Every structure is written in structure tokens, then in C-alpha cells.
Amino acid sequence: MKILFLTENFPPETNAAANRVFERAVYWVRWGYDVTVITGAPNFPQGNVYDGYRNKWYQTEMRDGIKVVRVKTFIAPNRGTWLRAIDFASFLVTAFVAGVFVRGPDVVVATSPQFFSAVAGWLVGLFHRRPFVFELGDIWPASIIAVGAIKGGLVLRMMEKVERFLYRRASCIAAVSPAFKQNLVKRGIPADKIAIVINGVEQFRFRPSSVDPVLARDWNLEGKFVVGYLGTHGMAHALDNVLDAAELLRDEPNICFLLVGNGAEREKLIASAQERQLDNVIFVPSQPRSEMPRVWSLCDVALVHLKDSPTFAEVIPSKIFEAMAMGCPILLASPKGAASSIVTGDNAGIWVPAEQPGQLAQCVLRLVRDVDEFQVLAANALDAAPKYSRRQQSEEMLQVLEIAAIGRGDRVAPFLSGQAATLAG
């Protein structure tokens, strides 16, 4: 089977969508499938093209057996609204053109969060007369409304119409959260055409390890109890509340907050921490994917933080699974929903309501002082990790694609097996 996958983000970019698409595709190639990925020049989130790449109209490379086609786009940093919209729309055009020239795909897949790539995927599938699978990584545009990046009006109504059109026209939908399926079913999308294949982790890459002494020394973390937030510093994450919690704990000299990553809010957060003289907060830029296990080794607790909005109750951040594989207890601050059900269901950490810095600070102290609870949560997190292995989810997503390729996407949920069938049912 020939799989054509459209995604705006792909390695060496390191966000959740890039890692998910790449790591699953590596398995598919190993199992004898032909995989082509259409993407742009790597630039996320700063909007600067990575060293060794150029923003050209068309260029190809091979990455772990995957044919990667990179197309030219209007590049903008991951902040603001209108420039990013132009970026997304430009990928729609150039990805579609590139997709037209891919020979004989059996199935076309496109991933969100931004659905302009899904529009391109649908058009490419239409051109080749092949099934189109919509991998739903986020409910868009609801997520950008939730962070205040766009207000109601004509543009929003048009985006919502396109969103519903894509859901209806897709042969099937592969949602990364059970809550996404519930959302779509409530809006009239048939449940049978929606599979659930959630995010996961490569356990051979992420596993328990001793603290990396070089990074601990370089980042001034030796002897500290480290609360680590590893990921995008964006509007969806409300990380100013983490600074508030750090301020409440400033008289606890052994506790330190480590924030690793880039994003639209990073510079504001750094400026705020400096203004408040928060010596217990360390900022580090994004690190290469290969370095992330070393970074995780520094963390006593994995902090997962989301904005207080019903939209983000449906989200399952991928860092939850990396923390589990590292044997790291999770401190989840979010609306109660899909992510909290995983963390509390596996007893792999503590959930606190979103944007409650006082409660967040108290939970940090609780984990520092209650060694027995800390060790139980760490052990439970590690025990839960195999349920979310990337290999298993690669098999499940492949099953979705095979069902779609034979023209049964409208009945994908009843035909699934394993965990995907349990979630989809």
C-alpha cells in the first residue's frame, strides 16, 4: 500500500504532530509500506528556516526510508493570527500541487491542528480518486478561539463551515482523543467513521535514567527538586500561572521550575520572571529530539499545563506519555477531561484545576514532602507507559488506513481491533 501523508510539521521540527507522523511512518516503512510525506521547510515555532534547509518550491530527501517532499510556503513565527493564516493557506496551495505529482497513492492522509493541510489532503485525494483520511490532532478553529487569537464574525463562520465540510467529506477520521470523537458525534458526524488513535511514546528512546550531570551543572539544577515543563510556550498553556506558583514557592530553595521550549509567549514569560526576580525559574530554548531524554532525566515531576477553557478539556498533551515512559510523576493543571482521566485513571500523577497557581504550588510541596506518594506515582507512571507505545499506535493507525483504502472508511470503527476498537466504541 502506498501512503501519502500531508503535514505542515515534520522532523527536524519537534512538536507533537511532527513526532507523531514521523515515528508512525518509520514503522510503516519497516513493515514494507511505501510512505511519502509532503511538508514545508522546517521552521516551527520561530519562523526561521533550520540550518541546512532552504524554503524552495520543491525539494526531496529520504529520512529513515520515508520519501519527504518539502514545498515552499510563506513562513511566519508561531504567534499572531493573520501571518500564520497566510502561512497555512500557502501550504494548502503548494502541498496540493506537489500531491498531484505523487504517483498512485492508495490512501491520502492529512493531519491537523491547522486544517488547511486537511483541505489540501482532501483535494489531493479527490484528484487521485483515492480515499482521504483526516487525522484530527485538534478541534480547529475552536482551539484558536479558546486562546483569543480570533473573534467571532464572518471569517470564523467560514472556517467552521470548512471544518464541517471536511468532516463530512473525509472517508474516515482518526481522532487523537476520545473527546474529539464525542465532539464530532454531537455535531452530527457518524460515529462509525471516527476511529480513535491517541498519541504515544517510543519507549526505546524514553526510559528511566539517572540525572544527566552535565546538564544539571550547566543549568544550575544540581541538588534541586525540578518541576519540568517541556514543550511549547504558547497562548494555550497559560504559563504565567506557573510563574505565579513559582513566586509562592520562592522561599523553598530546593525547588526549581524548568521551562524548556519556544513559543509565542516565551519572551513575555522571561521578562516577567526577571521583573519578579524569580531565581527559581530556569528557561532553556527548545532542544533537539535526540536530546530530550537527557532533559527529562533532570525532572523530578513533569508539569503539564493548559489554559482554563472547555476546548482544552478535550486535549491529551503528548508530553504525558513521555513522562510516563521516563517514570516521572505528572502534575497536570488543566480543565477536567481527557488528559485528567488518563493521569488519574492510571494513578500516574496529580490533577489540579487549570489556572490555579495556589493549588499548583501546594501540590508541588506535597510531592516534595511525601516521598512514599511520590514513589508510588512514579512507579504507576512507568507501569502505564506500555499501553501508549508508539509501535502499537502505528499498528492501529495503519489498520485505519487499510480499511479506508478498501473503501470501508464509513465503517472504520466497527472494523477496528485492539485498543483502537475499545476507544472507538
Protein backbone atom coordinates (compact mmCIF):
# COMPACT_ATOMS: atom_id res chain seq x y z
CA MET A 1 0.00 0.00 0.00
CA LYS A 2 1.20 3.50 -0.90
CA ILE A 3 0.50 6.09 1.77
CA LEU A 4 0.63 9.82 1.03
CA PHE A 5 0.73 11.96 4.17
CA LEU A 6 0.39 15.76 4.31
CA THR A 7 1.59 17.59 7.40
CA GLU A 8 2.93 21.10 7.83
CA ASN A 9 5.30 19.98 10.61
CA PHE A 10 7.86 17.21 10.28
CA PRO A 11 11.33 16.48 11.70
CA PRO A 12 13.70 18.08 12.38
CA GLU A 13 10.80 20.05 13.89
CA THR A 14 9.90 18.54 17.25
CA ASN A 15 6.29 19.39 18.05
CA ALA A 16 3.69 16.70 18.73
CA ALA A 17 2.37 16.48 15.16
CA ALA A 18 5.85 16.19 13.65
CA ASN A 19 6.89 13.42 16.05
CA ARG A 20 3.61 11.54 15.70
CA VAL A 21 3.65 11.46 11.90
CA PHE A 22 7.33 10.62 11.62
CA GLU A 23 7.54 7.90 14.27
CA ARG A 24 4.49 6.06 12.95
CA ALA A 25 5.69 6.33 9.36
CA VAL A 26 9.05 4.80 10.31
CA TYR A 27 7.23 1.65 11.44
CA TRP A 28 5.14 1.55 8.27
CA VAL A 29 8.26 1.67 6.11
CA ARG A 30 9.87 -1.11 8.16
CA TRP A 31 6.76 -3.21 7.58
CA GLY A 32 7.07 -2.84 3.81
CA TYR A 33 4.73 0.08 3.08
CA ASP A 34 5.57 2.94 0.71
CA VAL A 35 5.29 6.29 2.52
CA THR A 36 5.59 9.78 1.05
CA VAL A 37 5.24 12.85 3.27
CA ILE A 38 4.58 16.33 1.91
CA THR A 39 5.64 19.10 4.26
CA GLY A 40 7.35 22.50 4.32
CA ALA A 41 10.84 23.70 5.14
CA PRO A 42 11.36 23.18 8.88
CA ASN A 43 10.86 26.47 10.73
CA PHE A 44 8.48 25.89 13.69
CA PRO A 45 8.00 27.67 16.05
CA GLN A 46 10.32 30.64 15.50
CA GLY A 47 9.61 31.08 11.80
CA ASN A 48 13.29 30.71 10.92
CA VAL A 49 14.30 28.02 8.43
CA TYR A 50 16.55 25.46 10.12
CA ASP A 51 20.22 25.24 9.19
CA GLY A 52 20.82 23.05 6.17
CA TYR A 53 17.40 23.75 4.61
CA ARG A 54 16.02 26.31 2.21
CA ASN A 55 12.47 27.43 1.56
CA LYS A 56 12.37 26.15 -2.04
CA TRP A 57 9.42 25.37 -4.30
CA TYR A 58 10.24 21.66 -4.38
CA GLN A 59 12.94 19.54 -2.77
CA THR A 60 13.09 15.92 -1.69
CA GLU A 61 15.01 13.87 0.83
CA MET A 62 14.90 10.38 2.31
CA ARG A 63 14.51 10.12 6.08
CA ASP A 64 14.54 6.62 7.58
CA GLY A 65 13.03 5.17 4.40
CA ILE A 66 10.33 7.86 4.13
CA LYS A 67 10.30 9.99 0.98
CA VAL A 68 9.96 13.58 2.19
CA VAL A 69 8.79 16.24 -0.26
CA ARG A 70 9.30 19.78 1.02
CA VAL A 71 7.43 22.65 -0.62
CA LYS A 72 7.70 26.41 -0.40
CA THR A 73 5.42 28.28 2.00
CA PHE A 74 5.01 31.76 3.38
CA ILE A 75 6.88 31.41 6.67
CA ALA A 76 5.77 33.16 9.84
CA PRO A 77 6.57 32.62 13.53
CA ASN A 78 4.05 30.76 15.67
CA ARG A 79 2.35 33.86 17.04
CA GLY A 80 -0.31 36.25 15.87
CA THR A 81 -3.16 35.35 13.56
CA TRP A 82 -3.09 36.75 10.06
CA LEU A 83 0.51 36.00 9.08
CA ARG A 84 0.09 32.47 10.36
CA ALA A 85 -3.13 32.16 8.36
CA ILE A 86 -1.22 33.14 5.21
CA ASP A 87 1.42 30.55 6.14
CA PHE A 88 -1.25 27.85 6.47
CA ALA A 89 -3.02 28.85 3.26
CA SER A 90 0.23 28.85 1.28
CA PHE A 91 0.88 25.25 2.38
CA LEU A 92 -2.58 24.33 1.12
CA VAL A 93 -1.65 25.51 -2.38
CA THR A 94 1.90 24.19 -2.68
CA ALA A 95 1.14 20.88 -0.93
CA PHE A 96 -1.78 20.27 -3.28
CA VAL A 97 0.38 20.92 -6.33
CA ALA A 98 3.06 18.58 -5.03
CA GLY A 99 0.45 15.94 -4.19
CA VAL A 100 -0.84 15.95 -7.76
CA PHE A 101 2.56 14.69 -8.93
CA VAL A 102 2.84 11.81 -6.44
CA ARG A 103 2.20 8.63 -8.38
CA GLY A 104 -0.56 6.24 -7.43
CA PRO A 105 -1.24 6.67 -3.70
CA ASP A 106 -3.71 4.17 -2.28
CA VAL A 107 -4.76 6.49 0.52
CA VAL A 108 -4.20 10.18 1.28
CA VAL A 109 -3.87 11.34 4.89
CA ALA A 110 -3.57 14.85 6.31
CA THR A 111 -3.17 15.94 9.91
CA SER A 112 -4.30 18.99 11.81
CA PRO A 113 -4.17 21.09 14.12
CA GLN A 114 -4.43 23.57 11.28
CA PHE A 115 -6.96 22.24 8.81
CA PHE A 116 -5.62 23.95 5.69
CA SER A 117 -3.40 20.89 5.33
CA ALA A 118 -6.57 18.79 5.56
CA VAL A 119 -8.13 20.83 2.75
CA ALA A 120 -5.05 20.08 0.65
CA GLY A 121 -5.32 16.39 1.55
CA TRP A 122 -8.96 16.25 0.54
CA LEU A 123 -8.16 17.94 -2.80
CA VAL A 124 -5.26 15.57 -3.47
CA GLY A 125 -7.48 12.58 -2.69
CA LEU A 126 -10.14 13.99 -5.00
CA PHE A 127 -7.60 14.42 -7.80
CA HIS A 128 -6.27 10.86 -7.45
CA ARG A 129 -9.75 9.47 -6.75
CA ARG A 130 -8.47 7.85 -3.61
CA PRO A 131 -9.85 7.88 -0.03
CA PHE A 132 -8.92 10.81 2.19
CA VAL A 133 -8.31 10.22 5.92
CA PHE A 134 -8.43 13.23 8.24
CA GLU A 135 -6.18 12.76 11.28
CA LEU A 136 -7.73 15.11 13.82
CA GLY A 137 -4.97 16.42 16.07
CA ASP A 138 -7.02 19.32 17.42
CA ILE A 139 -10.51 20.78 17.14
CA TRP A 140 -9.82 23.77 14.90
CA PRO A 141 -10.89 26.61 14.83
CA ALA A 142 -12.26 26.06 18.37
CA SER A 143 -8.73 25.92 19.80
CA ILE A 144 -7.72 29.29 18.36
CA ILE A 145 -10.97 30.83 19.57
CA ALA A 146 -10.21 29.48 23.06
CA VAL A 147 -6.91 31.37 23.26
CA GLY A 148 -8.46 34.58 21.93
CA ALA A 149 -6.49 34.56 18.68
CA ILE A 150 -9.65 35.13 16.65
CA LYS A 151 -13.07 36.54 17.44
CA GLY A 152 -16.49 35.70 16.06
CA GLY A 153 -17.59 37.02 12.70
CA LEU A 154 -17.65 36.16 9.01
CA VAL A 155 -14.16 34.63 8.96
CA LEU A 156 -14.96 32.36 11.87
CA ARG A 157 -18.26 31.24 10.32
CA MET A 158 -16.46 30.41 7.07
CA MET A 159 -13.80 28.41 8.91
CA GLU A 160 -16.43 26.43 10.77
CA LYS A 161 -18.20 25.64 7.50
CA VAL A 162 -14.95 24.36 6.02
CA GLU A 163 -14.35 22.32 9.18
CA ARG A 164 -17.75 20.61 8.94
CA PHE A 165 -17.27 20.08 5.18
CA LEU A 166 -14.00 18.23 5.80
CA TYR A 167 -15.53 16.01 8.46
CA ARG A 168 -18.32 15.03 6.08
CA ARG A 169 -16.12 14.54 3.02
CA ALA A 170 -13.35 12.54 4.70
CA SER A 171 -13.53 8.82 4.07
CA CYS A 172 -12.88 8.49 7.79
CA ILE A 173 -11.47 10.47 10.69
CA ALA A 174 -8.69 9.36 13.05
CA ALA A 175 -9.01 11.39 16.25
CA VAL A 176 -6.15 11.59 18.76
CA SER A 177 -8.54 11.99 21.72
CA PRO A 178 -11.78 10.19 22.64
CA ALA A 179 -13.21 13.61 23.50
CA PHE A 180 -12.71 14.72 19.89
CA LYS A 181 -14.93 11.86 18.73
CA GLN A 182 -17.60 12.82 21.26
CA ASN A 183 -17.41 16.41 20.00
CA LEU A 184 -17.92 15.37 16.37
CA VAL A 185 -20.72 12.91 17.10
CA LYS A 186 -22.63 15.63 18.96
CA ARG A 187 -22.30 17.74 15.80
CA GLY A 188 -23.81 15.09 13.58
CA ILE A 189 -20.76 13.22 12.23
CA PRO A 190 -21.46 9.45 12.11
CA ALA A 191 -19.66 7.63 14.91
CA ASP A 192 -18.76 4.66 12.69
CA LYS A 193 -16.45 6.78 10.52
CA ILE A 194 -14.44 8.04 13.50
CA ALA A 195 -11.55 5.98 14.86
CA ILE A 196 -9.51 6.97 17.91
CA VAL A 197 -5.75 6.55 17.77
CA ILE A 198 -4.24 8.60 20.56
CA ASN A 199 -0.68 9.84 20.90
CA GLY A 200 2.10 7.72 22.32
CA VAL A 201 5.79 7.36 23.06
CA GLU A 202 8.81 5.50 21.76
CA GLN A 203 9.80 3.50 24.84
CA PHE A 204 13.21 2.57 23.49
CA ARG A 205 14.04 6.30 23.40
CA PHE A 206 12.32 7.46 26.59
CA ARG A 207 13.06 5.34 29.65
CA PRO A 208 14.17 5.87 33.26
CA SER A 209 17.70 7.17 33.65
CA SER A 210 19.88 8.87 36.21
CA VAL A 211 20.17 12.65 36.22
CA ASP A 212 22.42 13.90 33.44
CA PRO A 213 25.30 15.51 35.40
CA VAL A 214 26.43 17.80 32.59
CA LEU A 215 23.02 19.39 32.00
CA ALA A 216 22.35 19.59 35.75
CA ARG A 217 25.59 21.53 36.21
CA ASP A 218 25.20 23.72 33.13
CA TRP A 219 21.61 24.67 34.01
CA ASN A 220 22.32 25.15 37.73
CA LEU A 221 19.98 22.35 38.79
CA GLU A 222 22.30 20.26 40.95
CA GLY A 223 20.60 19.17 44.15
CA LYS A 224 17.24 20.68 43.14
CA PHE A 225 13.76 19.20 43.08
CA VAL A 226 12.91 20.02 39.46
CA VAL A 227 9.40 20.67 38.21
CA GLY A 228 9.84 20.41 34.44
CA TYR A 229 7.62 21.89 31.75
CA LEU A 230 8.89 20.64 28.38
CA GLY A 231 7.03 21.95 25.37
CA THR A 232 5.59 24.91 23.54
CA HIS A 233 5.22 28.17 25.48
CA GLY A 234 2.02 29.29 23.77
CA MET A 235 -1.27 31.01 24.44
CA ALA A 236 -2.92 27.65 25.07
CA HIS A 237 -0.69 26.88 28.04
CA ALA A 238 -1.27 29.83 30.41
CA LEU A 239 2.26 29.55 31.77
CA ASP A 240 2.04 32.89 33.58
CA ASN A 241 0.24 30.84 36.24
CA VAL A 242 3.36 28.69 36.60
CA LEU A 243 5.34 31.84 37.37
CA ASP A 244 2.71 32.71 39.99
CA ALA A 245 3.21 29.28 41.57
CA ALA A 246 6.98 29.74 41.48
CA GLU A 247 6.59 33.06 43.24
CA LEU A 248 4.61 31.36 46.01
CA LEU A 249 7.47 28.86 46.40
CA ARG A 250 10.36 31.28 46.19
CA ASP A 251 11.28 30.62 49.84
CA GLU A 252 11.75 26.90 49.12
CA PRO A 253 15.40 26.92 47.99
CA ASN A 254 15.44 23.27 46.87
CA ILE A 255 12.52 23.64 44.41
CA CYS A 256 13.12 24.85 40.86
CA PHE A 257 10.87 25.21 37.82
CA LEU A 258 12.49 24.28 34.49
CA LEU A 259 10.75 25.55 31.33
CA VAL A 260 12.22 24.12 28.13
CA GLY A 261 10.89 25.14 24.72
CA ASN A 262 9.95 28.04 22.48
CA GLY A 263 6.67 29.67 21.57
CA ALA A 264 4.72 32.87 21.24
CA GLU A 265 4.69 33.63 24.97
CA ARG A 266 8.28 32.73 25.84
CA GLU A 267 9.81 36.20 25.73
CA LYS A 268 6.96 37.65 27.82
CA LEU A 269 7.44 34.91 30.39
CA ILE A 270 11.18 35.51 30.60
CA ALA A 271 10.62 39.23 31.04
CA SER A 272 8.01 38.61 33.75
CA ALA A 273 10.28 36.21 35.64
CA GLN A 274 13.12 38.73 35.52
CA GLU A 275 10.86 41.54 36.71
CA ARG A 276 9.71 39.41 39.65
CA GLN A 277 13.28 38.24 40.32
CA LEU A 278 12.25 34.59 40.23
CA ASP A 279 15.56 32.82 40.71
CA ASN A 280 13.70 29.52 40.99
CA VAL A 281 12.65 29.54 37.31
CA ILE A 282 15.07 28.43 34.60
CA PHE A 283 14.30 28.96 30.90
CA VAL A 284 16.02 26.83 28.24
CA PRO A 285 15.33 27.01 24.47
CA SER A 286 13.94 24.02 22.57
CA GLN A 287 16.28 21.07 22.39
CA PRO A 288 16.72 18.56 19.55
CA ARG A 289 14.51 15.49 19.79
CA SER A 290 17.56 13.31 20.37
CA GLU A 291 18.42 15.34 23.49
CA MET A 292 15.00 15.17 25.14
CA PRO A 293 15.66 12.02 27.23
CA ARG A 294 18.63 13.83 28.80
CA VAL A 295 16.40 16.80 29.54
CA TRP A 296 13.67 14.59 31.01
CA SER A 297 16.28 12.98 33.29
CA LEU A 298 16.54 16.30 35.16
CA CYS A 299 12.83 16.37 36.01
CA ASP A 300 11.51 15.03 39.28
CA VAL A 301 7.98 15.98 38.25
CA ALA A 302 6.54 16.52 34.75
CA LEU A 303 4.38 19.63 34.63
CA VAL A 304 1.60 19.64 32.01
CA HIS A 305 -0.26 22.95 31.94
CA LEU A 306 -3.24 24.09 29.86
CA LYS A 307 -5.45 27.16 29.73
CA ASP A 308 -8.78 27.06 31.56
CA SER A 309 -11.13 26.56 28.61
CA PRO A 310 -13.62 23.79 27.80
CA THR A 311 -11.83 23.31 24.48
CA PHE A 312 -8.68 22.17 26.27
CA ALA A 313 -10.59 19.63 28.33
CA GLU A 314 -10.55 17.53 25.13
CA VAL A 315 -6.78 17.71 24.58
CA ILE A 316 -4.25 15.00 25.55
CA PRO A 317 -0.74 16.53 25.52
CA SER A 318 1.86 14.09 24.21
CA LYS A 319 4.33 15.00 26.97
CA ILE A 320 2.17 12.95 29.35
CA PHE A 321 3.31 9.76 27.64
CA GLU A 322 6.97 10.76 27.52
CA ALA A 323 6.85 11.45 31.26
CA MET A 324 5.28 8.06 31.88
CA ALA A 325 7.99 6.28 29.93
CA MET A 326 10.65 8.12 31.96
CA GLY A 327 8.96 7.03 35.20
CA CYS A 328 8.24 10.65 36.07
CA PRO A 329 5.11 11.58 38.10
CA ILE A 330 2.81 14.00 36.30
CA LEU A 331 1.45 17.23 37.72
CA LEU A 332 -1.42 18.11 35.40
CA ALA A 333 -3.04 21.54 35.59
CA SER A 334 -5.92 21.55 33.12
CA PRO A 335 -9.68 21.56 32.74
CA LYS A 336 -11.07 18.22 33.85
CA GLY A 337 -11.42 15.96 30.84
CA ALA A 338 -9.50 13.62 28.55
CA ALA A 339 -5.99 14.22 29.94
CA SER A 340 -7.04 14.18 33.58
CA SER A 341 -8.87 10.88 33.06
CA ILE A 342 -5.63 9.29 31.85
CA VAL A 343 -3.41 10.69 34.60
CA THR A 344 -5.81 9.93 37.45
CA GLY A 345 -7.07 6.68 35.91
CA ASP A 346 -3.54 5.31 35.80
CA ASN A 347 -2.74 6.96 39.17
CA ALA A 348 0.35 8.33 37.44
CA GLY A 349 0.19 11.81 38.91
CA ILE A 350 -1.90 14.56 40.42
CA TRP A 351 -4.53 16.68 38.70
CA VAL A 352 -5.28 20.27 39.74
CA PRO A 353 -7.76 22.65 38.12
CA ALA A 354 -6.37 24.89 35.39
CA GLU A 355 -5.01 28.33 36.24
CA GLN A 356 -4.96 27.79 40.00
CA PRO A 357 -1.36 28.66 40.97
CA GLY A 358 -2.04 28.31 44.69
CA GLN A 359 -3.19 24.72 44.30
CA LEU A 360 -0.34 24.04 41.90
CA ALA A 361 2.20 25.26 44.46
CA GLN A 362 0.61 23.15 47.20
CA CYS A 363 0.81 20.02 45.04
CA VAL A 364 4.48 20.63 44.34
CA LEU A 365 5.12 20.82 48.10
CA ARG A 366 3.06 17.67 48.59
CA LEU A 367 5.23 15.73 46.14
CA VAL A 368 8.42 17.06 47.70
CA ARG A 369 7.40 16.14 51.23
CA ASP A 370 5.52 12.86 50.73
CA VAL A 371 8.23 10.55 49.46
CA ASP A 372 6.02 7.46 49.59
CA GLU A 373 3.32 9.03 47.40
CA PHE A 374 5.96 10.33 45.00
CA GLN A 375 7.44 6.85 44.55
CA VAL A 376 4.03 5.22 44.05
CA LEU A 377 3.10 7.75 41.36
CA ALA A 378 6.45 7.30 39.63
CA ALA A 379 6.06 3.51 39.58
CA ASN A 380 2.48 3.75 38.30
CA ALA A 381 3.53 6.14 35.53
CA LEU A 382 6.20 3.71 34.34
CA ASP A 383 3.81 0.75 34.52
CA ALA A 384 1.22 2.63 32.41
CA ALA A 385 3.63 3.60 29.62
CA PRO A 386 3.40 0.34 27.59
CA LYS A 387 -0.31 1.00 26.97
CA TYR A 388 0.71 4.03 24.93
CA SER A 389 3.58 2.63 22.89
CA ARG A 390 4.19 4.23 19.50
CA ARG A 391 4.51 0.82 17.86
CA GLN A 392 1.04 -0.24 18.99
CA GLN A 393 -0.49 3.00 17.78
CA SER A 394 1.35 2.70 14.48
CA GLU A 395 -0.39 -0.64 14.00
CA GLU A 396 -3.75 0.89 14.90
CA MET A 397 -3.35 3.85 12.55
CA LEU A 398 -2.23 1.52 9.76
CA GLN A 399 -5.37 -0.51 10.30
CA VAL A 400 -7.43 2.68 9.84
CA LEU A 401 -5.62 3.46 6.59
CA GLU A 402 -6.06 -0.07 5.24
CA ILE A 403 -9.80 -0.01 5.99
CA ALA A 404 -10.10 3.37 4.27
CA ALA A 405 -8.08 2.20 1.27
CA ILE A 406 -10.55 -0.60 0.53
CA GLY A 407 -13.44 1.84 0.64
CA ARG A 408 -14.86 0.99 4.07
CA GLY A 409 -13.91 4.20 5.88
CA ASP A 410 -17.55 4.87 6.71
CA ARG A 411 -17.44 1.72 8.86
CA VAL A 412 -13.93 2.07 10.25
CA ALA A 413 -14.87 1.98 13.94
CA PRO A 414 -16.69 -1.42 13.84
CA PHE A 415 -13.80 -2.95 11.87
CA LEU A 416 -11.05 -1.94 14.29
CA SER A 417 -9.35 -4.30 16.74
CA GLY A 418 -7.32 -3.88 19.92
CA GLN A 419 -7.19 -0.65 21.89
CA ALA A 420 -8.38 1.42 18.93
CA ALA A 421 -11.59 -0.60 18.86
CA THR A 422 -12.12 -0.15 22.60
CA LEU A 423 -11.67 3.61 22.35
CA ALA A 424 -13.66 4.00 19.14
CA GLY A 425 -16.59 2.00 20.50
